[in-house]
Amino acid sequence: MPRLSVQEIDQALKGLRSWRFENGELVKEFKFADFDSSIRFLNMVQPVADSLDHHPDLCVYYNRVIVHLTTHDEGGVTDLDLKLAQKLDELEKMIH
């Protein structure tokens, strides 16, 4: 899966909620009501990531989960990262 250009990424970001492109990765901070909600989100992420065989880098704080997406084999963002970003946005709706 080829790496996307900055222009392609910028265009794709218009269809995603609150994702940004920084340091060669897609990044989003998901905010939740409490720690329990953050962990429920993580538990929902795992099977989706496994189904795509594409796993995000995650940082968990009390009521926040910061997600970093990149395709390491390609050295940047690919369509697979965009697909996972869309699915994570869908999961977020299920927590709120």
PDB file of N, CA and C in Angstrom:
ATOM      1  N   MET A   1       0.860  -1.168   0.000  1.00  0.00           N
ATOM      2  CA  MET A   1       0.000   0.000   0.000  1.00  0.00           C
ATOM      3  C   MET A   1       0.909   1.235   0.000  1.00  0.00           C
ATOM      4  N   PRO A   2       0.823   2.059  -1.031  1.00  0.00           N
ATOM      5  CA  PRO A   2       1.750   3.197  -1.139  1.00  0.00           C
ATOM      6  C   PRO A   2       1.452   4.317  -0.136  1.00  0.00           C
ATOM      7  N   ARG A   3       2.527   4.982   0.232  1.00  0.00           N
ATOM      8  CA  ARG A   3       2.425   6.140   1.121  1.00  0.00           C
ATOM      9  C   ARG A   3       1.709   7.267   0.386  1.00  0.00           C
ATOM     10  N   LEU A   4       0.859   7.996   1.109  1.00  0.00           N
ATOM     11  CA  LEU A   4       0.107   9.106   0.532  1.00  0.00           C
ATOM     12  C   LEU A   4       0.934  10.382   0.547  1.00  0.00           C
ATOM     13  N   SER A   5       0.653  11.243  -0.407  1.00  0.00           N
ATOM     14  CA  SER A   5       1.311  12.547  -0.439  1.00  0.00           C
ATOM     15  C   SER A   5       0.677  13.464   0.606  1.00  0.00           C
ATOM     16  N   VAL A   6       1.367  14.532   0.928  1.00  0.00           N
ATOM     17  CA  VAL A   6       0.828  15.510   1.883  1.00  0.00           C
ATOM     18  C   VAL A   6      -0.491  16.066   1.363  1.00  0.00           C
ATOM     19  N   GLN A   7      -0.585  16.298   0.068  1.00  0.00           N
ATOM     20  CA  GLN A   7      -1.830  16.821  -0.506  1.00  0.00           C
ATOM     21  C   GLN A   7      -2.968  15.815  -0.353  1.00  0.00           C
ATOM     22  N   GLU A   8      -2.682  14.537  -0.570  1.00  0.00           N
ATOM     23  CA  GLU A   8      -3.719  13.508  -0.408  1.00  0.00           C
ATOM     24  C   GLU A   8      -4.164  13.406   1.054  1.00  0.00           C
ATOM     25  N   ILE A   9      -3.215  13.520   1.961  1.00  0.00           N
ATOM     26  CA  ILE A   9      -3.542  13.458   3.385  1.00  0.00           C
ATOM     27  C   ILE A   9      -4.382  14.666   3.783  1.00  0.00           C
ATOM     28  N   ASP A  10      -3.976  15.849   3.344  1.00  0.00           N
ATOM     29  CA  ASP A  10      -4.744  17.063   3.656  1.00  0.00           C
ATOM     30  C   ASP A  10      -6.180  16.948   3.162  1.00  0.00           C
ATOM     31  N   GLN A  11      -6.360  16.403   1.976  1.00  0.00           N
ATOM     32  CA  GLN A  11      -7.702  16.228   1.415  1.00  0.00           C
ATOM     33  C   GLN A  11      -8.505  15.231   2.253  1.00  0.00           C
ATOM     34  N   ALA A  12      -7.869  14.129   2.639  1.00  0.00           N
ATOM     35  CA  ALA A  12      -8.552  13.101   3.423  1.00  0.00           C
ATOM     36  C   ALA A  12      -8.929  13.605   4.810  1.00  0.00           C
ATOM     37  N   LEU A  13      -8.129  14.468   5.384  1.00  0.00           N
ATOM     38  CA  LEU A  13      -8.419  14.995   6.726  1.00  0.00           C
ATOM     39  C   LEU A  13      -9.720  15.783   6.766  1.00  0.00           C
ATOM     40  N   LYS A  14     -10.135  16.303   5.636  1.00  0.00           N
ATOM     41  CA  LYS A  14     -11.398  17.053   5.581  1.00  0.00           C
ATOM     42  C   LYS A  14     -12.592  16.152   5.897  1.00  0.00           C
ATOM     43  N   GLY A  15     -12.436  14.845   5.678  1.00  0.00           N
ATOM     44  CA  GLY A  15     -13.516  13.901   5.939  1.00  0.00           C
ATOM     45  C   GLY A  15     -13.424  13.223   7.298  1.00  0.00           C
ATOM     46  N   LEU A  16     -12.420  13.594   8.091  1.00  0.00           N
ATOM     47  CA  LEU A  16     -12.238  13.009   9.412  1.00  0.00           C
ATOM     48  C   LEU A  16     -12.471  14.069  10.479  1.00  0.00           C
ATOM     49  N   ARG A  17     -12.881  13.629  11.662  1.00  0.00           N
ATOM     50  CA  ARG A  17     -13.173  14.566  12.746  1.00  0.00           C
ATOM     51  C   ARG A  17     -11.975  14.734  13.673  1.00  0.00           C
ATOM     52  N   SER A  18     -11.405  15.915  13.679  1.00  0.00           N
ATOM     53  CA  SER A  18     -10.380  16.326  14.641  1.00  0.00           C
ATOM     54  C   SER A  18      -9.046  15.592  14.517  1.00  0.00           C
ATOM     55  N   TRP A  19      -8.828  14.907  13.416  1.00  0.00           N
ATOM     56  CA  TRP A  19      -7.522  14.317  13.178  1.00  0.00           C
ATOM     57  C   TRP A  19      -6.617  15.390  12.599  1.00  0.00           C
ATOM     58  N   ARG A  20      -5.325  15.268  12.889  1.00  0.00           N
ATOM     59  CA  ARG A  20      -4.350  16.188  12.309  1.00  0.00           C
ATOM     60  C   ARG A  20      -3.151  15.388  11.811  1.00  0.00           C
ATOM     61  N   PHE A  21      -2.403  15.983  10.923  1.00  0.00           N
ATOM     62  CA  PHE A  21      -1.199  15.371  10.378  1.00  0.00           C
ATOM     63  C   PHE A  21      -0.008  16.087  10.981  1.00  0.00           C
ATOM     64  N   GLU A  22       0.786  15.354  11.760  1.00  0.00           N
ATOM     65  CA  GLU A  22       1.966  15.964  12.358  1.00  0.00           C
ATOM     66  C   GLU A  22       3.080  14.924  12.478  1.00  0.00           C
ATOM     67  N   ASN A  23       4.273  15.368  12.163  1.00  0.00           N
ATOM     68  CA  ASN A  23       5.456  14.498  12.231  1.00  0.00           C
ATOM     69  C   ASN A  23       5.267  13.197  11.459  1.00  0.00           C
ATOM     70  N   GLY A  24       4.604  13.283  10.316  1.00  0.00           N
ATOM     71  CA  GLY A  24       4.438  12.123   9.449  1.00  0.00           C
ATOM     72  C   GLY A  24       3.400  11.122   9.896  1.00  0.00           C
ATOM     73  N   GLU A  25       2.537  11.507  10.837  1.00  0.00           N
ATOM     74  CA  GLU A  25       1.516  10.605  11.363  1.00  0.00           C
ATOM     75  C   GLU A  25       0.163  11.303  11.433  1.00  0.00           C
ATOM     76  N   LEU A  26      -0.894  10.505  11.449  1.00  0.00           N
ATOM     77  CA  LEU A  26      -2.217  11.017  11.787  1.00  0.00           C
ATOM     78  C   LEU A  26      -2.340  10.921  13.305  1.00  0.00           C
ATOM     79  N   VAL A  27      -2.823  11.990  13.931  1.00  0.00           N
ATOM     80  CA  VAL A  27      -2.904  12.041  15.393  1.00  0.00           C
ATOM     81  C   VAL A  27      -4.274  12.587  15.796  1.00  0.00           C
ATOM     82  N   LYS A  28      -4.833  11.966  16.836  1.00  0.00           N
ATOM     83  CA  LYS A  28      -6.082  12.477  17.394  1.00  0.00           C
ATOM     84  C   LYS A  28      -6.106  12.203  18.886  1.00  0.00           C
ATOM     85  N   GLU A  29      -6.630  13.169  19.630  1.00  0.00           N
ATOM     86  CA  GLU A  29      -6.866  13.001  21.061  1.00  0.00           C
ATOM     87  C   GLU A  29      -8.360  12.775  21.262  1.00  0.00           C
ATOM     88  N   PHE A  30      -8.694  11.591  21.743  1.00  0.00           N
ATOM     89  CA  PHE A  30     -10.074  11.249  22.064  1.00  0.00           C
ATOM     90  C   PHE A  30     -10.301  11.586  23.527  1.00  0.00           C
ATOM     91  N   LYS A  31     -11.371  12.311  23.830  1.00  0.00           N
ATOM     92  CA  LYS A  31     -11.685  12.691  25.205  1.00  0.00           C
ATOM     93  C   LYS A  31     -12.955  11.989  25.657  1.00  0.00           C
ATOM     94  N   PHE A  32     -12.890  11.474  26.882  1.00  0.00           N
ATOM     95  CA  PHE A  32     -14.003  10.728  27.441  1.00  0.00           C
ATOM     96  C   PHE A  32     -14.354  11.265  28.828  1.00  0.00           C
ATOM     97  N   ALA A  33     -15.419  10.757  29.394  1.00  0.00           N
ATOM     98  CA  ALA A  33     -15.897  11.245  30.685  1.00  0.00           C
ATOM     99  C   ALA A  33     -14.985  10.827  31.838  1.00  0.00           C
ATOM    100  N   ASP A  34     -14.384   9.650  31.717  1.00  0.00           N
ATOM    101  CA  ASP A  34     -13.604   9.129  32.836  1.00  0.00           C
ATOM    102  C   ASP A  34     -12.675   8.015  32.348  1.00  0.00           C
ATOM    103  N   PHE A  35     -11.924   7.444  33.283  1.00  0.00           N
ATOM    104  CA  PHE A  35     -10.965   6.392  32.959  1.00  0.00           C
ATOM    105  C   PHE A  35     -11.669   5.153  32.420  1.00  0.00           C
ATOM    106  N   ASP A  36     -12.794   4.798  33.006  1.00  0.00           N
ATOM    107  CA  ASP A  36     -13.547   3.631  32.557  1.00  0.00           C
ATOM    108  C   ASP A  36     -13.915   3.752  31.076  1.00  0.00           C
ATOM    109  N   SER A  37     -14.328   4.913  30.666  1.00  0.00           N
ATOM    110  CA  SER A  37     -14.691   5.133  29.260  1.00  0.00           C
ATOM    111  C   SER A  37     -13.471   5.031  28.351  1.00  0.00           C
ATOM    112  N   SER A  38     -12.342   5.533  28.814  1.00  0.00           N
ATOM    113  CA  SER A  38     -11.106   5.415  28.030  1.00  0.00           C
ATOM    114  C   SER A  38     -10.741   3.953  27.812  1.00  0.00           C
ATOM    115  N   ILE A  39     -10.854   3.156  28.851  1.00  0.00           N
ATOM    116  CA  ILE A  39     -10.512   1.736  28.752  1.00  0.00           C
ATOM    117  C   ILE A  39     -11.528   0.980  27.890  1.00  0.00           C
ATOM    118  N   ARG A  40     -12.789   1.331  27.988  1.00  0.00           N
ATOM    119  CA  ARG A  40     -13.790   0.705  27.106  1.00  0.00           C
ATOM    120  C   ARG A  40     -13.459   0.988  25.650  1.00  0.00           C
ATOM    121  N   PHE A  41     -13.042   2.233  25.353  1.00  0.00           N
ATOM    122  CA  PHE A  41     -12.641   2.580  23.995  1.00  0.00           C
ATOM    123  C   PHE A  41     -11.463   1.707  23.555  1.00  0.00           C
ATOM    124  N   LEU A  42     -10.456   1.578  24.394  1.00  0.00           N
ATOM    125  CA  LEU A  42      -9.303   0.739  24.050  1.00  0.00           C
ATOM    126  C   LEU A  42      -9.716  -0.691  23.764  1.00  0.00           C
ATOM    127  N   ASN A  43     -10.598  -1.226  24.578  1.00  0.00           N
ATOM    128  CA  ASN A  43     -11.057  -2.598  24.369  1.00  0.00           C
ATOM    129  C   ASN A  43     -11.803  -2.748  23.050  1.00  0.00           C
ATOM    130  N   MET A  44     -12.432  -1.698  22.586  1.00  0.00           N
ATOM    131  CA  MET A  44     -13.126  -1.720  21.300  1.00  0.00           C
ATOM    132  C   MET A  44     -12.145  -1.559  20.136  1.00  0.00           C
ATOM    133  N   VAL A  45     -11.051  -0.856  20.368  1.00  0.00           N
ATOM    134  CA  VAL A  45     -10.049  -0.627  19.322  1.00  0.00           C
ATOM    135  C   VAL A  45      -9.346  -1.926  18.945  1.00  0.00           C
ATOM    136  N   GLN A  46      -9.031  -2.727  19.924  1.00  0.00           N
ATOM    137  CA  GLN A  46      -8.213  -3.915  19.694  1.00  0.00           C
ATOM    138  C   GLN A  46      -8.757  -4.855  18.616  1.00  0.00           C
ATOM    139  N   PRO A  47     -10.021  -5.274  18.646  1.00  0.00           N
ATOM    140  CA  PRO A  47     -10.488  -6.174  17.591  1.00  0.00           C
ATOM    141  C   PRO A  47     -10.547  -5.509  16.210  1.00  0.00           C
ATOM    142  N   VAL A  48     -10.828  -4.228  16.170  1.00  0.00           N
ATOM    143  CA  VAL A  48     -10.847  -3.512  14.883  1.00  0.00           C
ATOM    144  C   VAL A  48      -9.440  -3.468  14.298  1.00  0.00           C
ATOM    145  N   ALA A  49      -8.464  -3.128  15.129  1.00  0.00           N
ATOM    146  CA  ALA A  49      -7.070  -3.087  14.668  1.00  0.00           C
ATOM    147  C   ALA A  49      -6.622  -4.473  14.215  1.00  0.00           C
ATOM    148  N   ASP A  50      -6.988  -5.498  14.970  1.00  0.00           N
ATOM    149  CA  ASP A  50      -6.625  -6.861  14.581  1.00  0.00           C
ATOM    150  C   ASP A  50      -7.253  -7.249  13.249  1.00  0.00           C
ATOM    151  N   SER A  51      -8.503  -6.855  13.038  1.00  0.00           N
ATOM    152  CA  SER A  51      -9.190  -7.221  11.792  1.00  0.00           C
ATOM    153  C   SER A  51      -8.520  -6.597  10.572  1.00  0.00           C
ATOM    154  N   LEU A  52      -7.926  -5.423  10.754  1.00  0.00           N
ATOM    155  CA  LEU A  52      -7.214  -4.750   9.667  1.00  0.00           C
ATOM    156  C   LEU A  52      -5.734  -5.126   9.629  1.00  0.00           C
ATOM    157  N   ASP A  53      -5.284  -5.856  10.654  1.00  0.00           N
ATOM    158  CA  ASP A  53      -3.865  -6.159  10.839  1.00  0.00           C
ATOM    159  C   ASP A  53      -3.035  -4.881  10.777  1.00  0.00           C
ATOM    160  N   HIS A  54      -3.560  -3.866  11.482  1.00  0.00           N
ATOM    161  CA  HIS A  54      -2.920  -2.545  11.521  1.00  0.00           C
ATOM    162  C   HIS A  54      -3.152  -1.964  12.908  1.00  0.00           C
ATOM    163  N   HIS A  55      -2.079  -1.748  13.630  1.00  0.00           N
ATOM    164  CA  HIS A  55      -2.188  -1.422  15.047  1.00  0.00           C
ATOM    165  C   HIS A  55      -1.642  -0.031  15.343  1.00  0.00           C
ATOM    166  N   PRO A  56      -2.455   0.796  15.991  1.00  0.00           N
ATOM    167  CA  PRO A  56      -2.047   2.170  16.297  1.00  0.00           C
ATOM    168  C   PRO A  56      -1.127   2.237  17.510  1.00  0.00           C
ATOM    169  N   ASP A  57      -0.415   3.331  17.606  1.00  0.00           N
ATOM    170  CA  ASP A  57       0.299   3.663  18.835  1.00  0.00           C
ATOM    171  C   ASP A  57      -0.688   4.441  19.700  1.00  0.00           C
ATOM    172  N   LEU A  58      -0.771   4.073  20.980  1.00  0.00           N
ATOM    173  CA  LEU A  58      -1.765   4.642  21.885  1.00  0.00           C
ATOM    174  C   LEU A  58      -1.107   5.145  23.162  1.00  0.00           C
ATOM    175  N   CYS A  59      -1.575   6.287  23.637  1.00  0.00           N
ATOM    176  CA  CYS A  59      -1.195   6.813  24.945  1.00  0.00           C
ATOM    177  C   CYS A  59      -2.492   7.001  25.726  1.00  0.00           C
ATOM    178  N   VAL A  60      -2.556   6.430  26.928  1.00  0.00           N
ATOM    179  CA  VAL A  60      -3.775   6.500  27.725  1.00  0.00           C
ATOM    180  C   VAL A  60      -3.528   7.376  28.942  1.00  0.00           C
ATOM    181  N   TYR A  61      -4.421   8.319  29.130  1.00  0.00           N
ATOM    182  CA  TYR A  61      -4.445   9.165  30.303  1.00  0.00           C
ATOM    183  C   TYR A  61      -5.809   8.960  30.962  1.00  0.00           C
ATOM    184  N   TYR A  62      -6.053   9.580  32.044  1.00  0.00           N
ATOM    185  CA  TYR A  62      -7.280   9.335  32.798  1.00  0.00           C
ATOM    186  C   TYR A  62      -8.529   9.321  31.914  1.00  0.00           C
ATOM    187  N   ASN A  63      -8.796  10.424  31.241  1.00  0.00           N
ATOM    188  CA  ASN A  63     -10.003  10.503  30.413  1.00  0.00           C
ATOM    189  C   ASN A  63      -9.666  10.831  28.952  1.00  0.00           C
ATOM    190  N   ARG A  64      -8.451  10.514  28.560  1.00  0.00           N
ATOM    191  CA  ARG A  64      -8.025  10.801  27.188  1.00  0.00           C
ATOM    192  C   ARG A  64      -7.236   9.625  26.626  1.00  0.00           C
ATOM    193  N   VAL A  65      -7.407   9.404  25.337  1.00  0.00           N
ATOM    194  CA  VAL A  65      -6.592   8.433  24.611  1.00  0.00           C
ATOM    195  C   VAL A  65      -6.058   9.154  23.382  1.00  0.00           C
ATOM    196  N   ILE A  66      -4.741   9.197  23.260  1.00  0.00           N
ATOM    197  CA  ILE A  66      -4.120   9.828  22.099  1.00  0.00           C
ATOM    198  C   ILE A  66      -3.672   8.715  21.166  1.00  0.00           C
ATOM    199  N   VAL A  67      -4.091   8.824  19.905  1.00  0.00           N
ATOM    200  CA  VAL A  67      -3.819   7.803  18.903  1.00  0.00           C
ATOM    201  C   VAL A  67      -2.897   8.386  17.836  1.00  0.00           C
ATOM    202  N   HIS A  68      -1.891   7.600  17.481  1.00  0.00           N
ATOM    203  CA  HIS A  68      -0.963   7.935  16.399  1.00  0.00           C
ATOM    204  C   HIS A  68      -1.058   6.832  15.359  1.00  0.00           C
ATOM    205  N   LEU A  69      -1.301   7.216  14.114  1.00  0.00           N
ATOM    206  CA  LEU A  69      -1.408   6.242  13.027  1.00  0.00           C
ATOM    207  C   LEU A  69      -0.358   6.522  11.965  1.00  0.00           C
ATOM    208  N   THR A  70       0.351   5.484  11.588  1.00  0.00           N
ATOM    209  CA  THR A  70       1.275   5.527  10.460  1.00  0.00           C
ATOM    210  C   THR A  70       1.513   4.092  10.019  1.00  0.00           C
ATOM    211  N   THR A  71       1.887   3.908   8.785  1.00  0.00           N
ATOM    212  CA  THR A  71       2.225   2.583   8.280  1.00  0.00           C
ATOM    213  C   THR A  71       3.741   2.495   8.240  1.00  0.00           C
ATOM    214  N   HIS A  72       4.297   1.856   9.248  1.00  0.00           N
ATOM    215  CA  HIS A  72       5.753   1.830   9.408  1.00  0.00           C
ATOM    216  C   HIS A  72       6.454   1.224   8.195  1.00  0.00           C
ATOM    217  N   ASP A  73       5.873   0.169   7.597  1.00  0.00           N
ATOM    218  CA  ASP A  73       6.496  -0.476   6.436  1.00  0.00           C
ATOM    219  C   ASP A  73       6.631   0.468   5.248  1.00  0.00           C
ATOM    220  N   GLU A  74       5.733   1.461   5.161  1.00  0.00           N
ATOM    221  CA  GLU A  74       5.748   2.408   4.044  1.00  0.00           C
ATOM    222  C   GLU A  74       6.406   3.735   4.420  1.00  0.00           C
ATOM    223  N   GLY A  75       6.717   3.907   5.680  1.00  0.00           N
ATOM    224  CA  GLY A  75       7.369   5.135   6.121  1.00  0.00           C
ATOM    225  C   GLY A  75       6.477   6.358   6.108  1.00  0.00           C
ATOM    226  N   GLY A  76       5.176   6.154   6.326  1.00  0.00           N
ATOM    227  CA  GLY A  76       4.259   7.289   6.358  1.00  0.00           C
ATOM    228  C   GLY A  76       2.818   6.837   6.378  1.00  0.00           C
ATOM    229  N   VAL A  77       1.934   7.763   6.074  1.00  0.00           N
ATOM    230  CA  VAL A  77       0.491   7.523   6.123  1.00  0.00           C
ATOM    231  C   VAL A  77       0.032   6.889   4.805  1.00  0.00           C
ATOM    232  N   THR A  78      -0.806   5.852   4.938  1.00  0.00           N
ATOM    233  CA  THR A  78      -1.389   5.172   3.779  1.00  0.00           C
ATOM    234  C   THR A  78      -2.910   5.152   3.917  1.00  0.00           C
ATOM    235  N   ASP A  79      -3.569   4.600   2.912  1.00  0.00           N
ATOM    236  CA  ASP A  79      -5.030   4.454   2.972  1.00  0.00           C
ATOM    237  C   ASP A  79      -5.459   3.605   4.165  1.00  0.00           C
ATOM    238  N   LEU A  80      -4.616   2.676   4.585  1.00  0.00           N
ATOM    239  CA  LEU A  80      -4.937   1.841   5.742  1.00  0.00           C
ATOM    240  C   LEU A  80      -5.067   2.687   7.009  1.00  0.00           C
ATOM    241  N   ASP A  81      -4.220   3.699   7.149  1.00  0.00           N
ATOM    242  CA  ASP A  81      -4.320   4.600   8.301  1.00  0.00           C
ATOM    243  C   ASP A  81      -5.623   5.387   8.263  1.00  0.00           C
ATOM    244  N   LEU A  82      -6.004   5.833   7.082  1.00  0.00           N
ATOM    245  CA  LEU A  82      -7.258   6.577   6.945  1.00  0.00           C
ATOM    246  C   LEU A  82      -8.457   5.699   7.279  1.00  0.00           C
ATOM    247  N   LYS A  83      -8.402   4.445   6.836  1.00  0.00           N
ATOM    248  CA  LYS A  83      -9.495   3.516   7.116  1.00  0.00           C
ATOM    249  C   LYS A  83      -9.620   3.282   8.622  1.00  0.00           C
ATOM    250  N   LEU A  84      -8.486   3.079   9.296  1.00  0.00           N
ATOM    251  CA  LEU A  84      -8.530   2.863  10.738  1.00  0.00           C
ATOM    252  C   LEU A  84      -8.996   4.123  11.459  1.00  0.00           C
ATOM    253  N   ALA A  85      -8.579   5.293  11.004  1.00  0.00           N
ATOM    254  CA  ALA A  85      -9.027   6.551  11.618  1.00  0.00           C
ATOM    255  C   ALA A  85     -10.549   6.663  11.540  1.00  0.00           C
ATOM    256  N   GLN A  86     -11.126   6.326  10.389  1.00  0.00           N
ATOM    257  CA  GLN A  86     -12.584   6.378  10.242  1.00  0.00           C
ATOM    258  C   GLN A  86     -13.267   5.422  11.210  1.00  0.00           C
ATOM    259  N   LYS A  87     -12.713   4.226  11.341  1.00  0.00           N
ATOM    260  CA  LYS A  87     -13.311   3.235  12.240  1.00  0.00           C
ATOM    261  C   LYS A  87     -13.200   3.673  13.701  1.00  0.00           C
ATOM    262  N   LEU A  88     -12.103   4.313  14.062  1.00  0.00           N
ATOM    263  CA  LEU A  88     -11.954   4.795  15.438  1.00  0.00           C
ATOM    264  C   LEU A  88     -12.941   5.913  15.731  1.00  0.00           C
ATOM    265  N   ASP A  89     -13.201   6.757  14.740  1.00  0.00           N
ATOM    266  CA  ASP A  89     -14.226   7.794  14.913  1.00  0.00           C
ATOM    267  C   ASP A  89     -15.596   7.170  15.158  1.00  0.00           C
ATOM    268  N   GLU A  90     -15.894   6.071  14.473  1.00  0.00           N
ATOM    269  CA  GLU A  90     -17.160   5.376  14.672  1.00  0.00           C
ATOM    270  C   GLU A  90     -17.239   4.783  16.086  1.00  0.00           C
ATOM    271  N   LEU A  91     -16.115   4.226  16.557  1.00  0.00           N
ATOM    272  CA  LEU A  91     -16.092   3.670  17.910  1.00  0.00           C
ATOM    273  C   LEU A  91     -16.301   4.749  18.956  1.00  0.00           C
ATOM    274  N   GLU A  92     -15.713   5.913  18.711  1.00  0.00           N
ATOM    275  CA  GLU A  92     -15.854   7.020  19.658  1.00  0.00           C
ATOM    276  C   GLU A  92     -17.326   7.361  19.882  1.00  0.00           C
ATOM    277  N   LYS A  93     -18.105   7.350  18.814  1.00  0.00           N
ATOM    278  CA  LYS A  93     -19.540   7.647  18.932  1.00  0.00           C
ATOM    279  C   LYS A  93     -20.255   6.660  19.845  1.00  0.00           C
ATOM    280  N   MET A  94     -19.766   5.434  19.895  1.00  0.00           N
ATOM    281  CA  MET A  94     -20.410   4.414  20.706  1.00  0.00           C
ATOM    282  C   MET A  94     -20.152   4.623  22.199  1.00  0.00           C
ATOM    283  N   ILE A  95     -19.089   5.338  22.545  1.00  0.00           N
ATOM    284  CA  ILE A  95     -18.757   5.600  23.953  1.00  0.00           C
ATOM    285  C   ILE A  95     -19.514   6.816  24.464  1.00  0.00           C
ATOM    286  N   HIS A  96     -19.689   7.822  23.607  1.00  0.00           N
ATOM    287  CA  HIS A  96     -20.335   9.067  24.052  1.00  0.00           C
ATOM    288  C   HIS A  96     -21.837   8.956  24.069  1.00  0.00           C
TER     289      HIS A  96
END
